[in-house]
């Protein structure tokens, strides 16, 4: 029977892996949207309150 603490460590690794993969997927999707709909992205960035020099 596995040690109970080992399962917690594996679960933490799986959660970390899922979060990392989600961030990669969101990055790729954002890049794709930015290149596919440049007019929409310009409108979104013009509404934002942060000014990029």
N, C-alpha and C. Protein backbone atom coordinates (compact mmCIF):
# COMPACT_ATOMS: atom_id res chain seq x y z
N UNK A 1 0.84 -1.19 0.00
CA UNK A 1 0.00 0.00 0.00
C UNK A 1 0.89 1.25 0.00
N UNK A 2 0.61 2.22 -0.89
CA UNK A 2 1.46 3.42 -0.95
C UNK A 2 1.32 4.28 0.29
N UNK A 3 2.36 5.01 0.54
CA UNK A 3 2.37 5.92 1.69
C UNK A 3 1.41 7.08 1.41
N UNK A 4 0.55 7.48 2.37
CA UNK A 4 -0.44 8.56 2.13
C UNK A 4 0.19 9.88 1.70
N UNK A 5 1.37 10.22 2.21
CA UNK A 5 2.01 11.47 1.83
C UNK A 5 2.45 11.51 0.39
N UNK A 6 2.74 10.33 -0.15
CA UNK A 6 3.18 10.26 -1.55
C UNK A 6 2.06 10.66 -2.50
N UNK A 7 0.85 10.27 -2.18
CA UNK A 7 -0.29 10.61 -3.02
C UNK A 7 -0.50 12.12 -3.07
N UNK A 8 -0.31 12.81 -1.95
CA UNK A 8 -0.45 14.26 -1.93
C UNK A 8 0.58 14.92 -2.84
N UNK A 9 1.80 14.39 -2.83
CA UNK A 9 2.84 14.95 -3.70
C UNK A 9 2.52 14.75 -5.16
N UNK A 10 2.02 13.57 -5.50
CA UNK A 10 1.66 13.30 -6.90
C UNK A 10 0.50 14.17 -7.34
N UNK A 11 -0.45 14.37 -6.44
CA UNK A 11 -1.59 15.22 -6.78
C UNK A 11 -1.13 16.66 -7.03
N UNK A 12 -0.18 17.13 -6.22
CA UNK A 12 0.36 18.47 -6.42
C UNK A 12 1.05 18.61 -7.76
N UNK A 13 1.78 17.56 -8.15
CA UNK A 13 2.47 17.59 -9.45
C UNK A 13 1.45 17.60 -10.58
N UNK A 14 0.39 16.81 -10.46
CA UNK A 14 -0.63 16.78 -11.51
C UNK A 14 -1.36 18.12 -11.62
N UNK A 15 -1.64 18.75 -10.50
CA UNK A 15 -2.28 20.06 -10.53
C UNK A 15 -1.36 21.08 -11.18
N UNK A 16 -0.09 21.04 -10.83
CA UNK A 16 0.88 21.96 -11.42
C UNK A 16 0.98 21.74 -12.93
N UNK A 17 0.99 20.49 -13.34
CA UNK A 17 1.05 20.18 -14.77
C UNK A 17 -0.19 20.69 -15.50
N UNK A 18 -1.35 20.51 -14.89
CA UNK A 18 -2.60 20.97 -15.51
C UNK A 18 -2.61 22.49 -15.63
N UNK A 19 -2.15 23.20 -14.60
CA UNK A 19 -2.10 24.66 -14.65
C UNK A 19 -1.12 25.13 -15.73
N UNK A 20 0.02 24.47 -15.82
CA UNK A 20 1.02 24.85 -16.82
C UNK A 20 0.49 24.63 -18.23
N UNK A 21 -0.15 23.49 -18.45
CA UNK A 21 -0.71 23.23 -19.78
C UNK A 21 -1.83 24.22 -20.11
N UNK A 22 -2.63 24.57 -19.11
CA UNK A 22 -3.68 25.56 -19.34
C UNK A 22 -3.12 26.92 -19.73
N UNK A 23 -2.02 27.31 -19.09
CA UNK A 23 -1.40 28.59 -19.43
C UNK A 23 -0.84 28.56 -20.85
N UNK A 24 -0.26 27.44 -21.25
CA UNK A 24 0.26 27.32 -22.62
C UNK A 24 -0.89 27.39 -23.62
N UNK A 25 -1.98 26.71 -23.33
CA UNK A 25 -3.14 26.73 -24.23
C UNK A 25 -3.72 28.15 -24.34
N UNK A 26 -3.84 28.86 -23.21
CA UNK A 26 -4.34 30.23 -23.25
C UNK A 26 -3.41 31.15 -24.02
N UNK A 27 -2.11 30.95 -23.88
CA UNK A 27 -1.14 31.77 -24.61
C UNK A 27 -1.26 31.55 -26.12
N UNK A 28 -1.34 30.29 -26.52
CA UNK A 28 -1.48 29.98 -27.95
C UNK A 28 -2.80 30.51 -28.50
N UNK A 29 -3.88 30.36 -27.73
CA UNK A 29 -5.18 30.86 -28.18
C UNK A 29 -5.17 32.39 -28.29
N UNK A 30 -4.55 33.06 -27.34
CA UNK A 30 -4.46 34.52 -27.41
C UNK A 30 -3.64 34.99 -28.59
N UNK A 31 -2.52 34.32 -28.83
CA UNK A 31 -1.67 34.68 -29.99
C UNK A 31 -2.44 34.46 -31.29
N UNK A 32 -3.19 33.35 -31.36
CA UNK A 32 -3.95 33.06 -32.56
C UNK A 32 -5.04 34.12 -32.77
N UNK A 33 -5.75 34.49 -31.69
CA UNK A 33 -6.77 35.53 -31.82
C UNK A 33 -6.17 36.86 -32.22
N UNK A 34 -5.00 37.19 -31.66
CA UNK A 34 -4.34 38.45 -31.97
C UNK A 34 -4.01 38.54 -33.45
N UNK A 35 -3.56 37.43 -34.05
CA UNK A 35 -3.20 37.41 -35.46
C UNK A 35 -4.40 37.24 -36.37
N UNK A 36 -5.46 36.59 -35.89
CA UNK A 36 -6.62 36.34 -36.72
C UNK A 36 -7.55 37.55 -36.79
N UNK A 37 -7.73 38.23 -35.67
CA UNK A 37 -8.64 39.37 -35.61
C UNK A 37 -7.90 40.63 -35.15
N UNK A 38 -7.04 41.19 -36.00
CA UNK A 38 -6.26 42.35 -35.56
C UNK A 38 -7.13 43.57 -35.24
N UNK A 39 -8.23 43.77 -35.95
CA UNK A 39 -9.11 44.91 -35.68
C UNK A 39 -9.75 44.80 -34.31
N UNK A 40 -10.17 43.61 -33.95
CA UNK A 40 -10.79 43.39 -32.64
C UNK A 40 -9.77 43.62 -31.53
N UNK A 41 -8.57 43.16 -31.72
CA UNK A 41 -7.54 43.31 -30.69
C UNK A 41 -7.13 44.77 -30.52
N UNK A 42 -7.12 45.54 -31.61
CA UNK A 42 -6.82 46.97 -31.49
C UNK A 42 -7.90 47.68 -30.68
N UNK A 43 -9.15 47.28 -30.90
CA UNK A 43 -10.26 47.88 -30.14
C UNK A 43 -10.15 47.53 -28.66
N UNK A 44 -9.77 46.30 -28.36
CA UNK A 44 -9.63 45.89 -26.96
C UNK A 44 -8.49 46.65 -26.29
N UNK A 45 -7.37 46.79 -26.97
CA UNK A 45 -6.24 47.48 -26.37
C UNK A 45 -6.48 48.98 -26.26
N UNK A 46 -7.30 49.55 -27.14
CA UNK A 46 -7.55 50.99 -27.05
C UNK A 46 -8.48 51.30 -25.87
N UNK A 47 -9.27 50.35 -25.44
CA UNK A 47 -10.19 50.55 -24.33
C UNK A 47 -9.45 50.42 -23.00
N UNK A 48 -8.38 49.67 -22.98
CA UNK A 48 -7.67 49.42 -21.71
C UNK A 48 -7.10 50.73 -21.15
N UNK A 49 -6.97 50.78 -19.84
CA UNK A 49 -6.50 51.99 -19.19
C UNK A 49 -4.98 52.06 -19.11
N UNK A 50 -4.30 50.98 -19.47
CA UNK A 50 -2.84 50.94 -19.40
C UNK A 50 -2.29 51.43 -20.72
N UNK A 51 -1.44 52.43 -20.67
CA UNK A 51 -0.83 52.95 -21.88
C UNK A 51 0.54 52.33 -22.07
N UNK A 52 0.76 51.75 -23.24
CA UNK A 52 2.05 51.12 -23.55
C UNK A 52 2.86 52.10 -24.37
N UNK A 53 4.03 52.46 -23.90
CA UNK A 53 4.83 53.45 -24.65
C UNK A 53 5.36 52.89 -25.96
